[in-house]
Amino acid sequence: MNMHTAYLSLGAFYSLLIAIGALALLMGGGSAMSIVQLGIGALAVVGLWGYTLRRGFMNPRIWRPLAGILAIAVVLQLILVLTAGLSKTDITWMLISAVFSALLVVILFNYGNRDQALWASEADVEGGKTLEALLKRQSPLSAENVTDKRKASVTVGCEGNHYSVRVRREHGGEVEQFEERFNHPATLAFFIEKYTCITADDIAQQNAASKQS
């Protein structure tokens, strides 16, 4: 069994647990807390399937906070095991739940990393390919965007398997500068356009013009 098959099996298992829990609630079993737990569990399973299928579901910003909530739940379960004087059966189920929750913590934390291709739009992917090709020929690259009230400039470089970007923005006499590093060129393209309104095509055109001059 390879890792992908293992994740598929894990996703199917968690989905079955959620389905059983939902059926129990529909039959009148469980409390308000059970509904909350089932909702969190269902959301975690969505993230698990997204990670397994390498597809971006919902928003990447929600997955790491959810991983944090599950991590807190794991710690609380372990504290109960050590201090609450539970029966052997309850301890067994608590430990099983903690193990499976801990696995989800790791998966959802990695899934919530914005710097990967699964969160990129088609435009970001194409922009990333353009930047990657440009940086293979020349590094660093610079470009700017000037309007009546704002000026933004960006310098992009490639350092091994990482991409670096330095942004400078001017507005109303105020200057703002910041730097970031990325592993995936599509994320780099997204970041540059979001914070400077400079596209990969703009960078290509301006650097081609500078060579000609």
N, C-alpha and C. Protein backbone atom coordinates (compact mmCIF):
# COMPACT_ATOMS: atom_id res chain seq x y z
N MET A 1 0.84 -1.20 0.00
CA MET A 1 0.00 0.00 0.00
C MET A 1 0.89 1.26 0.00
N ASN A 2 0.70 2.13 -1.01
CA ASN A 2 1.47 3.37 -1.04
C ASN A 2 0.79 4.43 -0.17
N MET A 3 1.46 5.58 -0.04
CA MET A 3 0.94 6.61 0.86
C MET A 3 -0.40 7.17 0.38
N HIS A 4 -0.55 7.32 -0.95
CA HIS A 4 -1.81 7.87 -1.45
C HIS A 4 -2.97 6.94 -1.12
N THR A 5 -2.76 5.65 -1.30
CA THR A 5 -3.81 4.68 -0.97
C THR A 5 -4.11 4.70 0.52
N ALA A 6 -3.06 4.87 1.32
CA ALA A 6 -3.26 4.93 2.77
C ALA A 6 -4.10 6.15 3.16
N TYR A 7 -3.83 7.29 2.53
CA TYR A 7 -4.62 8.49 2.82
C TYR A 7 -6.07 8.34 2.35
N LEU A 8 -6.26 7.68 1.21
CA LEU A 8 -7.62 7.42 0.74
C LEU A 8 -8.38 6.56 1.74
N SER A 9 -7.71 5.54 2.26
CA SER A 9 -8.34 4.67 3.24
C SER A 9 -8.65 5.42 4.52
N LEU A 10 -7.71 6.30 4.91
CA LEU A 10 -7.93 7.10 6.12
C LEU A 10 -9.11 8.05 5.93
N GLY A 11 -9.19 8.66 4.75
CA GLY A 11 -10.31 9.55 4.46
C GLY A 11 -11.64 8.82 4.49
N ALA A 12 -11.66 7.61 3.93
CA ALA A 12 -12.89 6.81 3.93
C ALA A 12 -13.29 6.44 5.36
N PHE A 13 -12.29 6.10 6.18
CA PHE A 13 -12.56 5.72 7.57
C PHE A 13 -13.14 6.89 8.36
N TYR A 14 -12.52 8.06 8.23
CA TYR A 14 -13.03 9.24 8.94
C TYR A 14 -14.41 9.63 8.44
N SER A 15 -14.63 9.51 7.14
CA SER A 15 -15.94 9.84 6.58
C SER A 15 -17.01 8.92 7.14
N LEU A 16 -16.65 7.65 7.30
CA LEU A 16 -17.60 6.69 7.87
C LEU A 16 -17.93 7.06 9.32
N LEU A 17 -16.92 7.47 10.07
CA LEU A 17 -17.17 7.89 11.45
C LEU A 17 -18.12 9.08 11.51
N ILE A 18 -17.91 10.05 10.61
CA ILE A 18 -18.79 11.23 10.58
C ILE A 18 -20.21 10.82 10.20
N ALA A 19 -20.34 9.91 9.25
CA ALA A 19 -21.67 9.45 8.83
C ALA A 19 -22.38 8.74 9.98
N ILE A 20 -21.64 7.91 10.72
CA ILE A 20 -22.23 7.22 11.88
C ILE A 20 -22.66 8.21 12.94
N GLY A 21 -21.81 9.24 13.18
CA GLY A 21 -22.15 10.26 14.16
C GLY A 21 -23.38 11.06 13.75
N ALA A 22 -23.48 11.39 12.47
CA ALA A 22 -24.65 12.13 11.98
C ALA A 22 -25.91 11.30 12.11
N LEU A 23 -25.81 10.00 11.83
CA LEU A 23 -26.96 9.12 11.96
C LEU A 23 -27.42 9.02 13.41
N ALA A 24 -26.45 8.96 14.32
CA ALA A 24 -26.78 8.89 15.74
C ALA A 24 -27.50 10.16 16.19
N LEU A 25 -27.05 11.32 15.70
CA LEU A 25 -27.72 12.56 16.06
C LEU A 25 -29.14 12.61 15.51
N LEU A 26 -29.31 12.14 14.30
CA LEU A 26 -30.65 12.13 13.70
C LEU A 26 -31.61 11.21 14.45
N MET A 27 -31.06 10.19 15.09
CA MET A 27 -31.88 9.25 15.85
C MET A 27 -32.11 9.73 17.28
N GLY A 28 -31.62 10.94 17.58
CA GLY A 28 -31.89 11.51 18.89
C GLY A 28 -30.80 11.33 19.91
N GLY A 29 -29.68 10.77 19.50
CA GLY A 29 -28.58 10.57 20.45
C GLY A 29 -27.60 11.72 20.39
N GLY A 30 -27.07 12.13 21.53
CA GLY A 30 -26.08 13.20 21.55
C GLY A 30 -26.63 14.51 22.08
N SER A 31 -25.70 15.37 22.43
CA SER A 31 -26.05 16.67 23.01
C SER A 31 -25.62 17.78 22.06
N ALA A 32 -25.78 19.03 22.52
CA ALA A 32 -25.33 20.16 21.72
C ALA A 32 -23.82 20.11 21.50
N MET A 33 -23.10 19.65 22.52
CA MET A 33 -21.66 19.49 22.37
C MET A 33 -21.32 18.47 21.30
N SER A 34 -22.14 17.43 21.21
CA SER A 34 -21.92 16.41 20.18
C SER A 34 -22.07 17.00 18.78
N ILE A 35 -23.02 17.92 18.63
CA ILE A 35 -23.21 18.57 17.33
C ILE A 35 -21.98 19.39 16.97
N VAL A 36 -21.45 20.13 17.96
CA VAL A 36 -20.24 20.92 17.73
C VAL A 36 -19.07 20.02 17.34
N GLN A 37 -18.89 18.92 18.09
CA GLN A 37 -17.80 18.01 17.80
C GLN A 37 -17.95 17.39 16.42
N LEU A 38 -19.18 17.05 16.06
CA LEU A 38 -19.42 16.46 14.74
C LEU A 38 -19.12 17.48 13.64
N GLY A 39 -19.51 18.74 13.87
CA GLY A 39 -19.23 19.78 12.88
C GLY A 39 -17.74 19.98 12.67
N ILE A 40 -16.99 20.04 13.79
CA ILE A 40 -15.54 20.19 13.69
C ILE A 40 -14.92 18.98 12.99
N GLY A 41 -15.42 17.79 13.34
CA GLY A 41 -14.92 16.58 12.71
C GLY A 41 -15.19 16.55 11.22
N ALA A 42 -16.39 16.97 10.83
CA ALA A 42 -16.74 17.00 9.40
C ALA A 42 -15.85 17.97 8.64
N LEU A 43 -15.58 19.13 9.24
CA LEU A 43 -14.71 20.11 8.61
C LEU A 43 -13.30 19.56 8.46
N ALA A 44 -12.84 18.86 9.50
CA ALA A 44 -11.50 18.26 9.44
C ALA A 44 -11.42 17.21 8.34
N VAL A 45 -12.48 16.46 8.14
CA VAL A 45 -12.50 15.44 7.09
C VAL A 45 -12.45 16.10 5.71
N VAL A 46 -13.12 17.24 5.55
CA VAL A 46 -13.02 17.98 4.28
C VAL A 46 -11.56 18.33 4.01
N GLY A 47 -10.86 18.81 5.04
CA GLY A 47 -9.44 19.13 4.89
C GLY A 47 -8.60 17.90 4.58
N LEU A 48 -8.93 16.78 5.20
CA LEU A 48 -8.22 15.54 4.95
C LEU A 48 -8.36 15.12 3.49
N TRP A 49 -9.61 15.21 2.96
CA TRP A 49 -9.82 14.85 1.55
C TRP A 49 -9.11 15.84 0.63
N GLY A 50 -9.11 17.12 0.99
CA GLY A 50 -8.38 18.09 0.17
C GLY A 50 -6.90 17.79 0.11
N TYR A 51 -6.33 17.44 1.27
CA TYR A 51 -4.91 17.10 1.33
C TYR A 51 -4.63 15.83 0.52
N THR A 52 -5.51 14.86 0.63
CA THR A 52 -5.32 13.59 -0.06
C THR A 52 -5.42 13.74 -1.57
N LEU A 53 -6.41 14.53 -2.02
CA LEU A 53 -6.66 14.69 -3.45
C LEU A 53 -5.85 15.83 -4.06
N ARG A 54 -5.07 16.54 -3.21
CA ARG A 54 -4.26 17.67 -3.66
C ARG A 54 -5.12 18.75 -4.32
N ARG A 55 -6.21 19.07 -3.68
CA ARG A 55 -7.11 20.11 -4.16
C ARG A 55 -7.39 21.10 -3.03
N GLY A 56 -7.56 22.36 -3.40
CA GLY A 56 -7.83 23.39 -2.40
C GLY A 56 -9.31 23.53 -2.12
N PHE A 57 -9.74 23.14 -0.93
CA PHE A 57 -11.13 23.28 -0.52
C PHE A 57 -11.24 24.43 0.48
N MET A 58 -12.26 25.27 0.27
CA MET A 58 -12.52 26.40 1.15
C MET A 58 -11.35 27.37 1.13
N ASN A 59 -10.93 27.89 2.29
CA ASN A 59 -9.89 28.91 2.36
C ASN A 59 -8.70 28.38 3.14
N PRO A 60 -7.46 28.57 2.64
CA PRO A 60 -6.30 28.03 3.36
C PRO A 60 -6.14 28.59 4.76
N ARG A 61 -6.74 29.76 5.04
CA ARG A 61 -6.56 30.38 6.35
C ARG A 61 -7.27 29.64 7.48
N ILE A 62 -8.24 28.78 7.15
CA ILE A 62 -9.01 28.14 8.22
C ILE A 62 -8.35 26.87 8.73
N TRP A 63 -7.45 26.28 7.95
CA TRP A 63 -7.00 24.93 8.29
C TRP A 63 -6.00 24.89 9.44
N ARG A 64 -5.10 25.83 9.50
CA ARG A 64 -4.15 25.81 10.62
C ARG A 64 -4.80 26.17 11.95
N PRO A 65 -5.72 27.15 12.01
CA PRO A 65 -6.47 27.34 13.27
C PRO A 65 -7.25 26.10 13.67
N LEU A 66 -7.83 25.40 12.69
CA LEU A 66 -8.55 24.17 13.01
C LEU A 66 -7.59 23.12 13.54
N ALA A 67 -6.39 23.05 12.97
CA ALA A 67 -5.38 22.12 13.48
C ALA A 67 -5.03 22.48 14.93
N GLY A 68 -5.00 23.78 15.24
CA GLY A 68 -4.73 24.20 16.61
C GLY A 68 -5.82 23.77 17.57
N ILE A 69 -7.09 23.87 17.13
CA ILE A 69 -8.21 23.43 17.97
C ILE A 69 -8.12 21.94 18.25
N LEU A 70 -7.79 21.16 17.22
CA LEU A 70 -7.66 19.72 17.41
C LEU A 70 -6.48 19.39 18.32
N ALA A 71 -5.40 20.17 18.22
CA ALA A 71 -4.24 19.93 19.09
C ALA A 71 -4.61 20.16 20.55
N ILE A 72 -5.39 21.21 20.80
CA ILE A 72 -5.85 21.48 22.17
C ILE A 72 -6.72 20.32 22.66
N ALA A 73 -7.58 19.79 21.77
CA ALA A 73 -8.43 18.66 22.14
C ALA A 73 -7.60 17.44 22.50
N VAL A 74 -6.51 17.22 21.74
CA VAL A 74 -5.63 16.08 22.04
C VAL A 74 -5.01 16.23 23.43
N VAL A 75 -4.54 17.43 23.73
CA VAL A 75 -3.91 17.68 25.04
C VAL A 75 -4.93 17.46 26.16
N LEU A 76 -6.15 17.97 25.98
CA LEU A 76 -7.19 17.80 27.00
C LEU A 76 -7.53 16.33 27.21
N GLN A 77 -7.58 15.57 26.12
CA GLN A 77 -7.86 14.14 26.25
C GLN A 77 -6.77 13.43 27.04
N LEU A 78 -5.53 13.78 26.76
CA LEU A 78 -4.42 13.14 27.48
C LEU A 78 -4.43 13.53 28.96
N ILE A 79 -4.80 14.77 29.24
CA ILE A 79 -4.90 15.20 30.64
C ILE A 79 -5.99 14.42 31.36
N LEU A 80 -7.12 14.22 30.69
CA LEU A 80 -8.21 13.43 31.28
C LEU A 80 -7.78 11.99 31.55
N VAL A 81 -7.03 11.43 30.60
CA VAL A 81 -6.55 10.06 30.78
C VAL A 81 -5.67 9.95 32.02
N LEU A 82 -4.85 10.97 32.25
CA LEU A 82 -3.90 10.92 33.36
C LEU A 82 -4.50 11.32 34.70
N THR A 83 -5.57 12.11 34.69
CA THR A 83 -6.04 12.69 35.95
C THR A 83 -7.49 12.36 36.33
N ALA A 84 -8.30 11.92 35.38
CA ALA A 84 -9.74 11.83 35.65
C ALA A 84 -10.19 10.50 36.23
N GLY A 85 -9.30 9.54 36.37
CA GLY A 85 -9.70 8.25 36.93
C GLY A 85 -10.72 7.52 36.09
N LEU A 86 -10.52 7.50 34.78
CA LEU A 86 -11.46 6.87 33.86
C LEU A 86 -11.33 5.36 33.90
N SER A 87 -12.36 4.68 33.41
CA SER A 87 -12.30 3.23 33.30
C SER A 87 -11.34 2.84 32.19
N LYS A 88 -10.95 1.56 32.15
CA LYS A 88 -10.02 1.10 31.12
C LYS A 88 -10.62 1.28 29.72
N THR A 89 -11.94 1.06 29.61
CA THR A 89 -12.59 1.23 28.31
C THR A 89 -12.54 2.68 27.86
N ASP A 90 -12.86 3.60 28.78
CA ASP A 90 -12.82 5.03 28.44
C ASP A 90 -11.41 5.49 28.10
N ILE A 91 -10.44 4.97 28.84
CA ILE A 91 -9.04 5.32 28.57
C ILE A 91 -8.64 4.85 27.17
N THR A 92 -9.05 3.65 26.82
CA THR A 92 -8.73 3.10 25.50
C THR A 92 -9.29 3.97 24.39
N TRP A 93 -10.58 4.34 24.52
CA TRP A 93 -11.21 5.18 23.50
C TRP A 93 -10.61 6.58 23.46
N MET A 94 -10.27 7.12 24.63
CA MET A 94 -9.64 8.43 24.68
C MET A 94 -8.29 8.41 23.94
N LEU A 95 -7.51 7.37 24.18
CA LEU A 95 -6.20 7.27 23.54
C LEU A 95 -6.33 7.09 22.03
N ILE A 96 -7.29 6.27 21.61
CA ILE A 96 -7.53 6.09 20.17
C ILE A 96 -7.93 7.41 19.53
N SER A 97 -8.85 8.13 20.19
CA SER A 97 -9.29 9.42 19.68
C SER A 97 -8.14 10.40 19.59
N ALA A 98 -7.27 10.40 20.62
CA ALA A 98 -6.14 11.32 20.64
C ALA A 98 -5.17 11.02 19.50
N VAL A 99 -4.93 9.74 19.23
CA VAL A 99 -4.00 9.35 18.16
C VAL A 99 -4.53 9.81 16.80
N PHE A 100 -5.83 9.54 16.54
CA PHE A 100 -6.40 9.93 15.26
C PHE A 100 -6.49 11.45 15.12
N SER A 101 -6.77 12.14 16.22
CA SER A 101 -6.82 13.60 16.17
C SER A 101 -5.44 14.19 15.93
N ALA A 102 -4.42 13.58 16.56
CA ALA A 102 -3.05 14.06 16.37
C ALA A 102 -2.62 13.93 14.92
N LEU A 103 -3.03 12.83 14.28
CA LEU A 103 -2.73 12.65 12.86
C LEU A 103 -3.38 13.74 12.02
N LEU A 104 -4.62 14.08 12.34
CA LEU A 104 -5.31 15.16 11.62
C LEU A 104 -4.64 16.51 11.85
N VAL A 105 -4.11 16.72 13.05
CA VAL A 105 -3.41 17.98 13.35
C VAL A 105 -2.27 18.18 12.36
N VAL A 106 -1.47 17.14 12.17
CA VAL A 106 -0.32 17.23 11.26
C VAL A 106 -0.79 17.47 9.83
N ILE A 107 -1.81 16.70 9.40
CA ILE A 107 -2.30 16.80 8.03
C ILE A 107 -2.88 18.18 7.76
N LEU A 108 -3.72 18.68 8.66
CA LEU A 108 -4.36 19.98 8.44
C LEU A 108 -3.37 21.13 8.52
N PHE A 109 -2.35 20.98 9.38
CA PHE A 109 -1.32 22.02 9.46
C PHE A 109 -0.59 22.13 8.14
N ASN A 110 -0.22 21.00 7.55
CA ASN A 110 0.47 21.01 6.26
C ASN A 110 -0.47 21.46 5.14
N TYR A 111 -1.73 21.08 5.23
CA TYR A 111 -2.71 21.46 4.20
C TYR A 111 -2.92 22.97 4.19
N GLY A 112 -2.83 23.60 5.35
CA GLY A 112 -3.06 25.03 5.46
C GLY A 112 -1.90 25.90 5.00
N ASN A 113 -0.81 25.28 4.56
CA ASN A 113 0.32 26.04 4.04
C ASN A 113 -0.06 26.67 2.71
N ARG A 114 -0.11 27.99 2.64
CA ARG A 114 -0.53 28.69 1.41
C ARG A 114 0.47 28.52 0.29
N ASP A 115 1.71 28.24 0.62
CA ASP A 115 2.79 28.20 -0.37
C ASP A 115 2.89 26.81 -1.04
N GLN A 116 1.82 26.44 -1.74
CA GLN A 116 1.82 25.20 -2.51
C GLN A 116 0.82 25.33 -3.65
N ALA A 117 1.03 24.51 -4.68
CA ALA A 117 0.30 24.68 -5.94
C ALA A 117 -1.20 24.48 -5.80
N LEU A 118 -1.65 23.66 -4.84
CA LEU A 118 -3.07 23.33 -4.76
C LEU A 118 -3.94 24.55 -4.43
N TRP A 119 -3.35 25.61 -3.86
CA TRP A 119 -4.12 26.82 -3.55
C TRP A 119 -4.03 27.87 -4.65
N ALA A 120 -3.29 27.58 -5.71
CA ALA A 120 -3.08 28.57 -6.76
C ALA A 120 -4.18 28.49 -7.80
N SER A 121 -4.60 29.67 -8.30
CA SER A 121 -5.54 29.73 -9.41
C SER A 121 -4.80 29.43 -10.72
N GLU A 122 -5.54 29.25 -11.78
CA GLU A 122 -4.91 29.00 -13.08
C GLU A 122 -4.04 30.19 -13.48
N ALA A 123 -4.52 31.39 -13.21
CA ALA A 123 -3.73 32.59 -13.53
C ALA A 123 -2.43 32.63 -12.73
N ASP A 124 -2.50 32.24 -11.45
CA ASP A 124 -1.29 32.22 -10.62
C ASP A 124 -0.29 31.18 -11.13
N VAL A 125 -0.80 30.02 -11.54
CA VAL A 125 0.06 28.96 -12.06
C VAL A 125 0.78 29.43 -13.32
N GLU A 126 0.03 30.06 -14.23
CA GLU A 126 0.64 30.56 -15.45
C GLU A 126 1.65 31.67 -15.15
N GLY A 127 1.28 32.57 -14.21
CA GLY A 127 2.22 33.61 -13.82
C GLY A 127 3.47 33.04 -13.19
N GLY A 128 3.29 31.99 -12.39
CA GLY A 128 4.44 31.33 -11.77
C GLY A 128 5.36 30.71 -12.80
N LYS A 129 4.80 30.10 -13.84
CA LYS A 129 5.61 29.52 -14.91
C LYS A 129 6.41 30.60 -15.63
N THR A 130 5.76 31.74 -15.86
CA THR A 130 6.45 32.85 -16.51
C THR A 130 7.63 33.34 -15.67
N LEU A 131 7.38 33.54 -14.36
CA LEU A 131 8.45 34.01 -13.47
C LEU A 131 9.57 32.98 -13.36
N GLU A 132 9.21 31.72 -13.28
CA GLU A 132 10.22 30.66 -13.17
C GLU A 132 11.14 30.67 -14.40
N ALA A 133 10.52 30.79 -15.59
CA ALA A 133 11.32 30.81 -16.82
C ALA A 133 12.22 32.05 -16.87
N LEU A 134 11.68 33.21 -16.46
CA LEU A 134 12.46 34.44 -16.47
C LEU A 134 13.65 34.36 -15.52
N LEU A 135 13.40 33.82 -14.32
CA LEU A 135 14.45 33.78 -13.30
C LEU A 135 15.54 32.77 -13.63
N LYS A 136 15.22 31.80 -14.48
CA LYS A 136 16.26 30.86 -14.91
C LYS A 136 17.25 31.55 -15.84
N ARG A 137 16.78 32.59 -16.53
CA ARG A 137 17.66 33.32 -17.45
C ARG A 137 18.33 34.52 -16.78
N GLN A 138 17.62 35.12 -15.83
CA GLN A 138 18.14 36.33 -15.19
C GLN A 138 17.60 36.46 -13.77
N SER A 139 18.49 36.72 -12.84
CA SER A 139 18.08 36.94 -11.45
C SER A 139 19.05 37.93 -10.82
N PRO A 140 18.56 39.00 -10.18
CA PRO A 140 17.15 39.30 -9.89
C PRO A 140 16.46 40.03 -11.04
N LEU A 141 15.15 40.17 -10.91
CA LEU A 141 14.32 40.93 -11.83
C LEU A 141 13.62 42.05 -11.07
N SER A 142 13.41 43.17 -11.76
CA SER A 142 12.75 44.31 -11.11
C SER A 142 11.64 44.83 -12.00
N ALA A 143 10.62 45.40 -11.38
CA ALA A 143 9.52 46.03 -12.11
C ALA A 143 8.84 47.02 -11.19
N GLU A 144 8.10 47.95 -11.79
CA GLU A 144 7.37 48.92 -10.98
C GLU A 144 6.03 49.26 -11.60
N ASN A 145 5.15 49.77 -10.75
CA ASN A 145 3.82 50.18 -11.17
C ASN A 145 3.56 51.56 -10.57
N VAL A 146 3.33 52.55 -11.44
CA VAL A 146 3.17 53.93 -10.97
C VAL A 146 1.80 54.44 -11.39
N THR A 147 1.05 54.97 -10.44
CA THR A 147 -0.23 55.64 -10.70
C THR A 147 -0.14 57.07 -10.20
N ASP A 148 -1.24 57.79 -10.26
CA ASP A 148 -1.24 59.19 -9.82
C ASP A 148 -0.88 59.35 -8.35
N LYS A 149 -1.34 58.40 -7.52
CA LYS A 149 -1.15 58.54 -6.07
C LYS A 149 -0.23 57.49 -5.46
N ARG A 150 0.03 56.43 -6.20
CA ARG A 150 0.79 55.33 -5.63
C ARG A 150 1.94 54.92 -6.54
N LYS A 151 2.96 54.37 -5.92
CA LYS A 151 4.07 53.79 -6.66
C LYS A 151 4.48 52.50 -5.96
N ALA A 152 4.59 51.46 -6.74
CA ALA A 152 5.01 50.17 -6.17
C ALA A 152 6.11 49.60 -7.04
N SER A 153 7.12 49.04 -6.40
CA SER A 153 8.20 48.39 -7.13
C SER A 153 8.50 47.05 -6.48
N VAL A 154 8.99 46.12 -7.28
CA VAL A 154 9.25 44.79 -6.77
C VAL A 154 10.56 44.28 -7.36
N THR A 155 11.32 43.56 -6.54
CA THR A 155 12.55 42.91 -6.98
C THR A 155 12.42 41.43 -6.62
N VAL A 156 12.58 40.58 -7.64
CA VAL A 156 12.38 39.15 -7.47
C VAL A 156 13.68 38.42 -7.77
N GLY A 157 14.00 37.43 -6.93
CA GLY A 157 15.21 36.65 -7.16
C GLY A 157 14.98 35.18 -6.90
N CYS A 158 15.90 34.38 -7.36
CA CYS A 158 15.86 32.92 -7.14
C CYS A 158 17.11 32.52 -6.39
N GLU A 159 16.92 31.84 -5.25
CA GLU A 159 18.04 31.41 -4.41
C GLU A 159 17.91 29.91 -4.18
N GLY A 160 18.56 29.12 -5.03
CA GLY A 160 18.43 27.67 -4.93
C GLY A 160 17.03 27.24 -5.32
N ASN A 161 16.33 26.59 -4.38
CA ASN A 161 14.96 26.16 -4.62
C ASN A 161 13.93 27.14 -4.06
N HIS A 162 14.39 28.30 -3.64
CA HIS A 162 13.51 29.29 -3.04
C HIS A 162 13.45 30.55 -3.90
N TYR A 163 12.35 31.26 -3.76
CA TYR A 163 12.17 32.52 -4.46
C TYR A 163 12.04 33.63 -3.42
N SER A 164 12.72 34.73 -3.66
CA SER A 164 12.65 35.86 -2.75
C SER A 164 12.02 37.04 -3.47
N VAL A 165 11.29 37.85 -2.72
CA VAL A 165 10.66 39.03 -3.31
C VAL A 165 10.77 40.18 -2.31
N ARG A 166 11.17 41.34 -2.82
CA ARG A 166 11.26 42.55 -2.00
C ARG A 166 10.32 43.59 -2.60
N VAL A 167 9.41 44.09 -1.78
CA VAL A 167 8.38 45.04 -2.24
C VAL A 167 8.62 46.39 -1.59
N ARG A 168 8.46 47.43 -2.39
CA ARG A 168 8.53 48.81 -1.89
C ARG A 168 7.29 49.54 -2.40
N ARG A 169 6.54 50.13 -1.48
CA ARG A 169 5.32 50.86 -1.86
C ARG A 169 5.37 52.27 -1.28
N GLU A 170 4.97 53.23 -2.12
CA GLU A 170 4.94 54.63 -1.71
C GLU A 170 3.53 55.18 -1.91
N HIS A 171 3.04 55.88 -0.88
CA HIS A 171 1.70 56.47 -0.98
C HIS A 171 1.61 57.66 -0.02
N GLY A 172 1.33 58.83 -0.57
CA GLY A 172 1.18 60.02 0.26
C GLY A 172 2.41 60.36 1.06
N GLY A 173 3.59 60.13 0.49
CA GLY A 173 4.83 60.44 1.19
C GLY A 173 5.29 59.36 2.14
N GLU A 174 4.49 58.35 2.36
CA GLU A 174 4.86 57.25 3.25
C GLU A 174 5.43 56.10 2.43
N VAL A 175 6.47 55.49 2.97
CA VAL A 175 7.16 54.40 2.28
C VAL A 175 7.04 53.12 3.13
N GLU A 176 6.67 52.05 2.47
CA GLU A 176 6.53 50.75 3.14
C GLU A 176 7.39 49.73 2.37
N GLN A 177 8.18 48.94 3.10
CA GLN A 177 9.03 47.93 2.48
C GLN A 177 8.90 46.62 3.25
N PHE A 178 8.87 45.52 2.53
CA PHE A 178 8.84 44.21 3.18
C PHE A 178 9.35 43.15 2.21
N GLU A 179 9.79 42.04 2.77
CA GLU A 179 10.35 40.94 1.98
C GLU A 179 9.66 39.63 2.37
N GLU A 180 9.61 38.71 1.42
CA GLU A 180 9.07 37.38 1.68
C GLU A 180 9.86 36.36 0.86
N ARG A 181 9.74 35.10 1.28
CA ARG A 181 10.36 33.99 0.54
C ARG A 181 9.30 32.92 0.28
N PHE A 182 9.38 32.28 -0.86
CA PHE A 182 8.40 31.27 -1.24
C PHE A 182 9.10 30.06 -1.85
N ASN A 183 8.41 28.93 -1.77
CA ASN A 183 8.90 27.70 -2.38
C ASN A 183 8.30 27.47 -3.76
N HIS A 184 7.09 28.00 -3.99
CA HIS A 184 6.38 27.72 -5.23
C HIS A 184 6.21 29.00 -6.04
N PRO A 185 6.53 28.99 -7.35
CA PRO A 185 6.44 30.21 -8.15
C PRO A 185 5.01 30.74 -8.30
N ALA A 186 4.01 29.85 -8.25
CA ALA A 186 2.63 30.33 -8.36
C ALA A 186 2.26 31.19 -7.16
N THR A 187 2.73 30.81 -5.98
CA THR A 187 2.49 31.62 -4.78
C THR A 187 3.20 32.96 -4.89
N LEU A 188 4.39 32.93 -5.46
CA LEU A 188 5.15 34.16 -5.70
C LEU A 188 4.37 35.11 -6.60
N ALA A 189 3.83 34.59 -7.69
CA ALA A 189 3.05 35.42 -8.63
C ALA A 189 1.82 36.00 -7.95
N PHE A 190 1.13 35.18 -7.14
CA PHE A 190 -0.04 35.65 -6.40
C PHE A 190 0.32 36.78 -5.45
N PHE A 191 1.40 36.62 -4.71
CA PHE A 191 1.82 37.61 -3.72
C PHE A 191 2.16 38.94 -4.39
N ILE A 192 2.92 38.88 -5.47
CA ILE A 192 3.35 40.11 -6.15
C ILE A 192 2.14 40.89 -6.67
N GLU A 193 1.22 40.19 -7.33
CA GLU A 193 0.06 40.88 -7.88
C GLU A 193 -0.85 41.43 -6.78
N LYS A 194 -0.98 40.68 -5.68
CA LYS A 194 -1.85 41.13 -4.59
C LYS A 194 -1.34 42.41 -3.96
N TYR A 195 -0.04 42.51 -3.74
CA TYR A 195 0.50 43.64 -2.98
C TYR A 195 1.07 44.78 -3.84
N THR A 196 1.20 44.57 -5.14
CA THR A 196 1.76 45.62 -5.99
C THR A 196 0.94 45.88 -7.25
N CYS A 197 0.00 44.98 -7.57
CA CYS A 197 -0.76 45.04 -8.84
C CYS A 197 0.16 44.88 -10.05
N ILE A 198 1.35 44.30 -9.83
CA ILE A 198 2.28 44.01 -10.91
C ILE A 198 2.15 42.53 -11.25
N THR A 199 1.90 42.23 -12.50
CA THR A 199 1.74 40.84 -12.92
C THR A 199 3.07 40.28 -13.43
N ALA A 200 3.08 38.97 -13.62
CA ALA A 200 4.27 38.33 -14.18
C ALA A 200 4.55 38.84 -15.59
N ASP A 201 3.48 39.10 -16.35
CA ASP A 201 3.66 39.64 -17.70
C ASP A 201 4.27 41.04 -17.65
N ASP A 202 3.88 41.84 -16.66
CA ASP A 202 4.48 43.18 -16.50
C ASP A 202 5.98 43.06 -16.26
N ILE A 203 6.36 42.10 -15.41
CA ILE A 203 7.79 41.91 -15.11
C ILE A 203 8.52 41.46 -16.36
N ALA A 204 7.91 40.57 -17.12
CA ALA A 204 8.53 40.11 -18.37
C ALA A 204 8.71 41.26 -19.34
N GLN A 205 7.67 42.09 -19.52
CA GLN A 205 7.73 43.20 -20.48
C GLN A 205 8.74 44.25 -20.05
N GLN A 206 8.75 44.61 -18.77
CA GLN A 206 9.66 45.67 -18.32
C GLN A 206 11.12 45.23 -18.38
N ASN A 207 11.38 43.96 -18.09
CA ASN A 207 12.75 43.49 -18.14
C ASN A 207 13.21 43.26 -19.58
N ALA A 208 12.29 42.92 -20.44
CA ALA A 208 12.63 42.81 -21.86
C ALA A 208 12.96 44.18 -22.42
N ALA A 209 12.19 45.19 -21.99
CA ALA A 209 12.44 46.56 -22.44
C ALA A 209 13.78 47.07 -21.94
N SER A 210 14.14 46.73 -20.70
CA SER A 210 15.40 47.20 -20.12
C SER A 210 16.60 46.57 -20.85
N LYS A 211 16.42 45.34 -21.32
CA LYS A 211 17.51 44.69 -22.07
C LYS A 211 17.73 45.37 -23.41
N GLN A 212 16.61 45.73 -24.05
CA GLN A 212 16.69 46.35 -25.35
C GLN A 212 17.33 47.74 -25.28
N SER A 213 17.02 48.41 -24.16
CA SER A 213 17.58 49.75 -23.99
C SER A 213 19.07 49.69 -23.62
